[in-house]
Amino acid sequence: MSLRIGQAITERLSRTPGILLSVYAIVAAFSTYSCMYAFRKPFTATGYDDVQDMWGLKFKSAIVIAQVMGYTLSKFIGIKVVSEMGRNRRGLGILVLVGISELALIGFGLVPVQYKFLFLFLNGIPLGMVWGLVFSFLEGRRYTELMGAGLCASFIFASGFVKTVGKSLLLAGVPEFWMPAATGLVFALPMVFFVWMLGLLPDPNAEDIALRTERLPMKGPERKAFFIKFAFGLTALILFYVALTAFRDFRDNFMAELLTALGFGETPGIFTATEVPVTIGVLGLLASIMFIRNNMRALMVNHVIIAFGAVVVGASTWLYHQGAMGAVPWIILTGFGAYTSYIPFNCILFERLIAAFKYPSNAGFLIYLADAFGYLGSVAVLLYKDFFVSELDWITFFTYACYAVSASGLLFTTAALFYFQRKKHEMRV
């Protein structure tokens, strides 16, 4: 019965006008990935200040690094798994991965302190593949930018929202080590429902394929050939993405410490308040690219937007330290700039690259190639902060990071932009 109902809904959706189908897809994808964040990020809503240091690291730094290491491993696994997985297994795959992560959070609550880092490492391994599986439902469509912007908005909004939920559970009396698992359970049933919604999306139609190129699973030889063909441009973009991911992840994982240093430590709602304006601004900016039908032009606009985001991070930081901007606007603008640069890498940049060069492939491969090295950079920055510049306070370190990501963004994005322009001319696609 449920199978027939699902098939009937999919058939009805296949006849739905593109914009309305996009709204449905956004609700399903945004909600699915927002729920996933409840299994990944709530543990960062508290500082674990009363817990003894581990291996010369603050306890929170140790468990953040452990999870990011698991997440990084997941991205390397995902280069193969996500790029090769067929549509019919994606929904179940998402639920299995999230279920494993919740079991790891329960383990985090159960075991002695000295073993808790291991369970956050295990928590990160399955979750790193969820993004690619969700986006696989959306890519290769006329309105992928709109759908992708909606999906990407989830990790801007959800990061603050699940921390607000986690902080509220702490204030309600839930023990610190059990708060992450409790937050995950709050979102478990909604997660199942929204994955079901996502699985009902019809495949891209003939018009989508004509506009955006057919999307196919990619085995090892196909992945190698694609990278070699565009090696310089992809390398330049990935080098910046390494810096960008490290910056974005540091800001996200240590938002509680940054806000405390700025005087907002006892305000749970500040997590959501600082991220909602970012969500709205970035969503509107990136969704507008769907109106650019020429894929090469859209690819170039993506590069310009990425560079613009890097400029916003650097300029807002300079204004804050000149006394021309308050602390909360600064935090909001660094988020806006970081996510303006970060989000295109996770959907629309590689989506348009494939379409511009008419190369049958899938964006999941490129997203995971970038993410794998990006999260290696994130681990490196966390280790550098705690072992080499531990004397720096949170705001000073964050300031240096803002300037570094701004400069690298301008350099590498400009290099990639000129490379792809020349490549297009050479290939005359």
Protein backbone atom coordinates (compact mmCIF):
# COMPACT_ATOMS: atom_id res chain seq x y z
CA MET A 1 0.00 0.00 0.00
CA SER A 2 2.70 2.51 1.03
CA LEU A 3 4.70 1.64 -2.11
CA ARG A 4 1.71 2.39 -4.34
CA ILE A 5 1.10 5.67 -2.53
CA GLY A 6 4.73 6.62 -3.00
CA GLN A 7 4.63 5.79 -6.71
CA ALA A 8 1.46 7.82 -7.13
CA ILE A 9 3.05 10.84 -5.44
CA THR A 10 6.18 10.55 -7.61
CA GLU A 11 4.02 10.38 -10.74
CA ARG A 12 2.11 13.44 -9.63
CA LEU A 13 5.35 15.31 -8.89
CA SER A 14 6.70 14.47 -12.35
CA ARG A 15 3.80 16.51 -13.82
CA THR A 16 4.28 19.40 -11.39
CA PRO A 17 5.62 22.73 -12.77
CA GLY A 18 9.34 23.18 -12.20
CA ILE A 19 9.14 25.93 -9.59
CA LEU A 20 6.59 24.04 -7.49
CA LEU A 21 8.66 20.86 -7.75
CA SER A 22 11.65 22.91 -6.59
CA VAL A 23 9.73 24.09 -3.53
CA TYR A 24 8.90 20.48 -2.66
CA ALA A 25 12.54 19.45 -3.19
CA ILE A 26 13.82 22.33 -1.05
CA VAL A 27 11.51 21.42 1.84
CA ALA A 28 12.55 17.77 1.68
CA ALA A 29 16.30 18.38 1.25
CA PHE A 30 16.54 21.33 3.67
CA SER A 31 14.65 19.43 6.36
CA THR A 32 16.58 16.19 5.85
CA TYR A 33 19.95 17.84 6.20
CA SER A 34 18.81 20.08 9.06
CA CYS A 35 17.79 16.94 10.94
CA MET A 36 21.18 15.37 10.19
CA TYR A 37 22.87 18.29 11.96
CA ALA A 38 21.14 17.23 15.16
CA PHE A 39 23.36 14.14 15.10
CA ARG A 40 26.54 16.04 14.27
CA LYS A 41 26.78 19.46 15.92
CA PRO A 42 24.88 19.73 19.24
CA PHE A 43 27.90 18.61 21.28
CA THR A 44 29.61 21.90 20.36
CA ALA A 45 26.93 23.94 22.20
CA THR A 46 28.85 23.55 25.45
CA GLY A 47 32.48 23.98 26.44
CA TYR A 48 33.02 20.93 28.77
CA ASP A 49 35.06 23.31 30.93
CA ASP A 50 35.12 21.00 33.97
CA VAL A 51 36.60 18.05 32.06
CA GLN A 52 40.33 17.33 32.31
CA ASP A 53 42.53 18.04 29.28
CA MET A 54 43.58 15.14 27.03
CA TRP A 55 47.08 14.80 25.49
CA GLY A 56 47.76 18.48 26.09
CA LEU A 57 44.48 19.49 24.40
CA LYS A 58 41.37 21.01 25.88
CA PHE A 59 38.75 18.25 26.09
CA LYS A 60 36.46 20.02 23.63
CA SER A 61 39.27 20.51 21.14
CA ALA A 62 40.13 16.82 21.43
CA ILE A 63 36.59 15.65 20.69
CA VAL A 64 36.09 18.20 17.92
CA ILE A 65 39.30 16.98 16.27
CA ALA A 66 38.18 13.36 16.72
CA GLN A 67 34.86 14.01 15.01
CA VAL A 68 36.44 16.02 12.20
CA MET A 69 38.94 13.21 11.63
CA GLY A 70 36.05 10.75 11.29
CA TYR A 71 34.26 13.20 9.01
CA THR A 72 37.43 13.60 6.92
CA LEU A 73 37.78 9.84 6.53
CA SER A 74 34.13 9.76 5.50
CA LYS A 75 34.79 12.27 2.72
CA PHE A 76 37.55 10.11 1.24
CA ILE A 77 35.27 7.08 1.44
CA GLY A 78 32.51 9.17 -0.12
CA ILE A 79 34.59 9.93 -3.25
CA LYS A 80 33.87 6.34 -4.24
CA VAL A 81 30.61 5.56 -2.43
CA VAL A 82 28.66 8.71 -3.31
CA SER A 83 29.87 8.95 -6.92
CA GLU A 84 28.97 5.29 -7.57
CA MET A 85 25.70 4.90 -5.63
CA GLY A 86 22.48 4.49 -7.62
CA ARG A 87 19.26 6.34 -6.86
CA ASN A 88 17.35 3.38 -5.44
CA ARG A 89 19.72 2.97 -2.48
CA ARG A 90 20.21 6.60 -1.45
CA GLY A 91 17.28 7.05 0.95
CA LEU A 92 17.97 3.87 2.91
CA GLY A 93 21.66 4.74 2.88
CA ILE A 94 20.97 8.11 4.54
CA LEU A 95 18.89 6.51 7.31
CA VAL A 96 21.46 3.78 7.99
CA LEU A 97 24.28 6.32 8.21
CA VAL A 98 22.35 8.57 10.59
CA GLY A 99 21.31 5.59 12.72
CA ILE A 100 24.95 4.56 13.15
CA SER A 101 25.84 8.11 14.17
CA GLU A 102 23.15 8.14 16.88
CA LEU A 103 24.46 4.87 18.30
CA ALA A 104 27.88 6.52 18.51
CA LEU A 105 26.36 9.46 20.43
CA ILE A 106 24.78 7.02 22.88
CA GLY A 107 28.23 5.49 23.30
CA PHE A 108 29.60 8.99 23.91
CA GLY A 109 27.20 9.31 26.84
CA LEU A 110 27.90 5.85 28.23
CA VAL A 111 31.67 5.41 28.26
CA PRO A 112 34.25 6.93 30.64
CA VAL A 113 35.68 10.33 29.74
CA GLN A 114 38.97 8.99 28.39
CA TYR A 115 37.15 7.00 25.68
CA LYS A 116 34.57 9.55 24.59
CA PHE A 117 36.71 10.92 21.75
CA LEU A 118 36.56 7.50 20.07
CA PHE A 119 32.77 7.63 19.82
CA LEU A 120 32.80 11.09 18.28
CA PHE A 121 35.30 9.78 15.73
CA LEU A 122 32.84 6.96 14.98
CA ASN A 123 30.00 9.50 14.87
CA GLY A 124 31.77 11.48 12.14
CA ILE A 125 32.45 8.55 9.79
CA PRO A 126 28.87 7.91 8.58
CA LEU A 127 27.70 11.54 8.64
CA GLY A 128 30.25 12.78 6.12
CA MET A 129 28.48 10.91 3.31
CA VAL A 130 24.97 12.23 3.95
CA TRP A 131 25.44 15.51 2.07
CA GLY A 132 26.40 13.86 -1.20
CA LEU A 133 23.50 11.42 -1.04
CA VAL A 134 21.01 14.23 -0.41
CA PHE A 135 22.41 16.43 -3.19
CA SER A 136 22.34 13.49 -5.62
CA PHE A 137 18.55 13.77 -5.59
CA LEU A 138 18.79 17.41 -6.75
CA GLU A 139 21.61 17.69 -9.27
CA GLY A 140 21.24 17.86 -13.04
CA ARG A 141 17.97 19.83 -13.05
CA ARG A 142 17.01 23.17 -14.54
CA TYR A 143 16.36 24.57 -11.06
CA THR A 144 19.26 22.88 -9.28
CA GLU A 145 20.61 26.27 -8.11
CA LEU A 146 17.35 27.01 -6.34
CA MET A 147 17.17 23.53 -4.84
CA GLY A 148 20.87 23.55 -3.95
CA ALA A 149 20.67 26.96 -2.29
CA GLY A 150 17.77 25.69 -0.21
CA LEU A 151 19.74 22.61 0.77
CA CYS A 152 22.87 24.62 1.58
CA ALA A 153 20.87 27.02 3.71
CA SER A 154 20.17 24.05 5.97
CA PHE A 155 23.70 23.79 7.30
CA ILE A 156 23.83 27.53 7.97
CA PHE A 157 20.50 27.56 9.79
CA ALA A 158 20.70 24.10 11.35
CA SER A 159 24.10 24.62 12.92
CA GLY A 160 22.73 27.42 15.07
CA PHE A 161 19.32 25.83 15.57
CA VAL A 162 20.52 22.45 16.87
CA LYS A 163 22.95 24.21 19.22
CA THR A 164 20.02 26.22 20.54
CA VAL A 165 18.11 22.96 21.10
CA GLY A 166 21.16 21.39 22.74
CA LYS A 167 21.74 24.39 24.99
CA SER A 168 18.08 24.38 25.96
CA LEU A 169 18.28 20.69 26.89
CA LEU A 170 21.29 21.47 29.09
CA LEU A 171 19.39 24.26 30.82
CA ALA A 172 16.49 21.83 31.30
CA GLY A 173 18.78 19.48 33.21
CA VAL A 174 19.97 16.97 30.61
CA PRO A 175 23.54 15.89 31.53
CA GLU A 176 26.28 17.42 29.39
CA PHE A 177 27.48 14.12 27.91
CA TRP A 178 23.95 12.89 27.14
CA MET A 179 22.79 16.11 25.51
CA PRO A 180 24.10 15.18 22.00
CA ALA A 181 22.24 11.84 21.93
CA ALA A 182 19.10 13.45 23.38
CA THR A 183 19.17 16.12 20.68
CA GLY A 184 19.49 13.43 18.02
CA LEU A 185 16.46 11.58 19.36
CA VAL A 186 14.39 14.76 19.20
CA PHE A 187 14.98 14.83 15.44
CA ALA A 188 14.84 11.07 14.69
CA LEU A 189 11.23 10.73 13.51
CA PRO A 190 11.28 13.97 11.48
CA MET A 191 14.42 12.64 9.81
CA VAL A 192 12.64 9.49 8.64
CA PHE A 193 9.71 11.48 7.28
CA PHE A 194 11.81 13.96 5.32
CA VAL A 195 14.02 11.25 3.81
CA TRP A 196 10.81 9.57 2.62
CA MET A 197 9.76 12.86 1.03
CA LEU A 198 13.14 13.19 -0.66
CA GLY A 199 12.92 9.69 -2.10
CA LEU A 200 9.65 10.56 -3.89
CA LEU A 201 11.34 13.11 -6.19
CA PRO A 202 11.13 12.08 -9.87
CA ASP A 203 14.29 11.73 -11.96
CA PRO A 204 15.46 14.71 -14.07
CA ASN A 205 13.34 14.97 -17.24
CA ALA A 206 14.46 15.38 -20.85
CA GLU A 207 14.56 19.19 -20.58
CA ASP A 208 16.74 18.99 -17.47
CA ILE A 209 19.19 16.66 -19.24
CA ALA A 210 19.33 18.90 -22.32
CA LEU A 211 20.09 21.96 -20.19
CA ARG A 212 22.43 20.47 -17.59
CA THR A 213 23.94 17.28 -19.09
CA GLU A 214 23.14 13.73 -18.04
CA ARG A 215 24.36 12.69 -14.58
CA LEU A 216 25.93 9.23 -14.39
CA PRO A 217 27.66 7.12 -11.73
CA MET A 218 31.47 7.40 -12.02
CA LYS A 219 33.90 4.52 -11.53
CA GLY A 220 37.60 5.00 -10.80
CA PRO A 221 38.83 5.47 -14.40
CA GLU A 222 36.10 8.05 -15.12
CA ARG A 223 36.99 10.01 -11.98
CA LYS A 224 40.70 10.00 -12.86
CA ALA A 225 40.06 11.15 -16.43
CA PHE A 226 37.83 14.00 -15.28
CA PHE A 227 40.38 15.32 -12.81
CA ILE A 228 43.26 15.16 -15.28
CA LYS A 229 41.23 17.09 -17.87
CA PHE A 230 40.64 20.03 -15.51
CA ALA A 231 43.57 19.56 -13.12
CA PHE A 232 44.85 23.14 -12.74
CA GLY A 233 41.46 24.75 -12.20
CA LEU A 234 40.28 22.05 -9.80
CA THR A 235 43.55 22.23 -7.86
CA ALA A 236 43.30 26.02 -7.46
CA LEU A 237 39.71 25.77 -6.25
CA ILE A 238 40.49 22.94 -3.85
CA LEU A 239 43.46 24.82 -2.35
CA PHE A 240 41.18 27.71 -1.44
CA TYR A 241 38.49 25.31 -0.27
CA VAL A 242 40.99 23.78 2.17
CA ALA A 243 41.46 27.20 3.81
CA LEU A 244 37.75 27.97 3.58
CA THR A 245 36.61 24.70 5.14
CA ALA A 246 39.08 25.06 8.00
CA PHE A 247 37.81 28.60 8.63
CA ARG A 248 34.14 27.73 8.36
CA ASP A 249 34.53 24.64 10.57
CA PHE A 250 36.51 26.55 13.22
CA ARG A 251 33.87 29.28 13.33
CA ASP A 252 31.12 26.69 13.56
CA ASN A 253 32.68 24.40 16.16
CA PHE A 254 33.88 27.21 18.44
CA MET A 255 31.03 29.67 18.03
CA ALA A 256 30.21 29.19 21.72
CA GLU A 257 33.72 30.27 22.72
CA LEU A 258 33.75 33.20 20.27
CA LEU A 259 30.39 34.48 21.51
CA THR A 260 31.46 34.05 25.14
CA ALA A 261 34.62 36.08 24.44
CA LEU A 262 32.42 38.77 22.88
CA GLY A 263 30.10 38.82 25.93
CA PHE A 264 27.15 36.65 24.78
CA GLY A 265 27.86 33.40 26.59
CA GLU A 266 24.57 33.19 28.52
CA THR A 267 22.22 33.79 25.61
CA PRO A 268 21.21 30.44 23.99
CA GLY A 269 19.19 32.08 21.23
CA ILE A 270 22.24 33.98 19.97
CA PHE A 271 23.30 30.88 17.99
CA THR A 272 20.19 31.06 15.84
CA ALA A 273 20.05 34.86 15.83
CA THR A 274 23.49 35.14 14.25
CA GLU A 275 22.85 32.48 11.59
CA VAL A 276 19.31 33.28 10.39
CA PRO A 277 20.35 36.54 8.64
CA VAL A 278 23.20 34.61 7.03
CA THR A 279 20.78 31.95 5.79
CA ILE A 280 18.44 34.48 4.20
CA GLY A 281 21.18 36.54 2.56
CA VAL A 282 23.14 33.64 1.09
CA LEU A 283 20.01 31.78 -0.05
CA GLY A 284 18.77 34.79 -2.01
CA LEU A 285 22.13 35.55 -3.60
CA LEU A 286 22.89 32.03 -4.80
CA ALA A 287 19.37 31.09 -5.88
CA SER A 288 19.40 34.04 -8.30
CA ILE A 289 21.99 32.22 -10.44
CA MET A 290 19.27 29.89 -11.71
CA PHE A 291 18.13 32.72 -14.01
CA ILE A 292 21.43 32.53 -15.91
CA ARG A 293 20.76 29.95 -18.60
CA ASN A 294 24.26 30.08 -20.16
CA ASN A 295 26.22 27.53 -18.14
CA MET A 296 29.67 29.03 -18.77
CA ARG A 297 28.49 32.48 -17.75
CA ALA A 298 26.96 31.00 -14.62
CA LEU A 299 30.24 29.22 -13.85
CA MET A 300 32.10 32.53 -14.05
CA VAL A 301 29.50 34.25 -11.85
CA ASN A 302 30.03 31.50 -9.29
CA HIS A 303 33.74 32.35 -9.20
CA VAL A 304 32.96 36.05 -8.72
CA ILE A 305 30.54 35.27 -5.88
CA ILE A 306 33.14 33.08 -4.17
CA ALA A 307 35.70 35.89 -4.38
CA PHE A 308 33.12 38.38 -3.10
CA GLY A 309 32.50 36.22 -0.03
CA ALA A 310 36.23 36.19 0.71
CA VAL A 311 36.32 40.00 0.48
CA VAL A 312 33.39 40.31 2.92
CA VAL A 313 35.22 38.18 5.51
CA GLY A 314 38.36 40.33 5.32
CA ALA A 315 36.61 43.72 5.07
CA SER A 316 34.21 43.09 7.98
CA THR A 317 37.10 41.98 10.17
CA TRP A 318 39.05 45.15 9.38
CA LEU A 319 35.98 47.31 10.11
CA TYR A 320 35.39 45.56 13.45
CA HIS A 321 38.94 46.13 14.61
CA GLN A 322 38.78 49.76 13.48
CA GLY A 323 35.78 50.23 15.78
CA ALA A 324 33.42 50.88 12.85
CA MET A 325 31.33 47.75 13.42
CA GLY A 326 29.88 45.97 16.45
CA ALA A 327 30.67 42.40 17.51
CA VAL A 328 27.36 40.81 16.43
CA PRO A 329 27.37 42.38 12.92
CA TRP A 330 30.97 41.22 12.56
CA ILE A 331 30.10 37.63 13.44
CA ILE A 332 27.11 37.76 11.08
CA LEU A 333 29.18 39.16 8.19
CA THR A 334 32.02 36.67 8.64
CA GLY A 335 29.36 33.97 8.43
CA PHE A 336 27.77 35.59 5.40
CA GLY A 337 31.10 35.89 3.63
CA ALA A 338 32.28 32.41 4.55
CA TYR A 339 29.07 30.72 3.46
CA THR A 340 28.81 32.85 0.30
CA SER A 341 32.15 31.35 -0.70
CA TYR A 342 31.55 27.90 0.81
CA ILE A 343 28.11 27.02 -0.50
CA PRO A 344 28.92 27.11 -4.24
CA PHE A 345 31.50 24.37 -3.70
CA ASN A 346 28.84 22.16 -2.19
CA CYS A 347 26.40 22.32 -5.09
CA ILE A 348 26.15 24.94 -7.81
CA LEU A 349 29.83 25.50 -8.73
CA PHE A 350 30.50 21.92 -9.79
CA GLU A 351 26.95 21.57 -11.10
CA ARG A 352 27.62 24.35 -13.61
CA LEU A 353 31.15 23.13 -14.36
CA ILE A 354 29.77 19.81 -15.58
CA ALA A 355 27.03 21.54 -17.57
CA ALA A 356 29.37 24.15 -19.10
CA PHE A 357 31.75 21.56 -20.49
CA LYS A 358 28.99 19.02 -21.27
CA TYR A 359 30.87 16.26 -19.48
CA PRO A 360 28.58 13.33 -18.46
CA SER A 361 29.52 12.73 -14.82
CA ASN A 362 28.16 13.73 -11.40
CA ALA A 363 28.77 16.56 -8.97
CA GLY A 364 29.06 14.19 -6.02
CA PHE A 365 32.57 13.17 -7.12
CA LEU A 366 33.82 16.77 -7.26
CA ILE A 367 32.10 17.79 -4.04
CA TYR A 368 33.70 14.90 -2.16
CA LEU A 369 37.10 15.40 -3.74
CA ALA A 370 37.08 18.99 -2.45
CA ASP A 371 35.58 18.06 0.92
CA ALA A 372 38.11 15.30 1.62
CA PHE A 373 41.04 17.72 1.42
CA GLY A 374 39.02 20.54 2.97
CA TYR A 375 38.47 18.60 6.16
CA LEU A 376 42.12 17.56 6.27
CA GLY A 377 42.81 21.29 6.40
CA SER A 378 40.29 21.66 9.19
CA VAL A 379 42.07 19.04 11.29
CA ALA A 380 45.42 20.73 10.61
CA VAL A 381 44.13 24.13 11.79
CA LEU A 382 42.66 22.66 14.98
CA LEU A 383 45.97 20.95 15.80
CA TYR A 384 47.92 24.11 14.97
CA LYS A 385 45.72 26.20 17.24
CA ASP A 386 46.15 23.93 20.25
CA PHE A 387 49.78 22.86 19.88
CA PHE A 388 51.55 25.86 18.34
CA VAL A 389 49.60 29.02 19.14
CA SER A 390 47.63 27.99 22.21
CA GLU A 391 48.52 31.30 23.87
CA LEU A 392 46.39 33.21 21.35
CA ASP A 393 42.92 34.07 22.57
CA TRP A 394 39.87 33.07 20.50
CA ILE A 395 39.27 36.49 18.95
CA THR A 396 42.89 37.05 17.91
CA PHE A 397 43.17 33.62 16.28
CA PHE A 398 39.83 34.09 14.54
CA THR A 399 40.97 37.49 13.24
CA TYR A 400 44.13 36.02 11.68
CA ALA A 401 42.02 33.26 10.13
CA CYS A 402 39.66 35.83 8.61
CA TYR A 403 42.50 37.65 6.86
CA ALA A 404 44.11 34.40 5.67
CA VAL A 405 40.92 33.04 4.10
CA SER A 406 40.19 36.39 2.48
CA ALA A 407 43.60 36.64 0.79
CA SER A 408 43.69 33.01 -0.37
CA GLY A 409 40.17 33.30 -1.74
CA LEU A 410 41.03 36.20 -4.00
CA LEU A 411 44.25 34.56 -5.24
CA PHE A 412 43.04 31.04 -6.01
CA THR A 413 39.57 31.94 -7.27
CA THR A 414 40.99 34.44 -9.75
CA ALA A 415 43.47 31.84 -11.02
CA ALA A 416 40.69 29.27 -11.49
CA LEU A 417 38.41 31.75 -13.24
CA PHE A 418 41.00 32.59 -15.93
CA TYR A 419 41.90 28.91 -16.32
CA PHE A 420 38.33 27.79 -17.03
CA GLN A 421 37.80 30.68 -19.43
CA ARG A 422 40.87 29.60 -21.41
CA LYS A 423 39.86 25.93 -21.22
CA LYS A 424 36.45 26.75 -22.65
CA HIS A 425 38.06 28.61 -25.54
CA GLU A 426 40.44 25.69 -26.24
CA MET A 427 37.69 23.07 -26.19
CA ARG A 428 35.06 25.24 -27.87
CA VAL A 429 32.32 23.26 -26.13
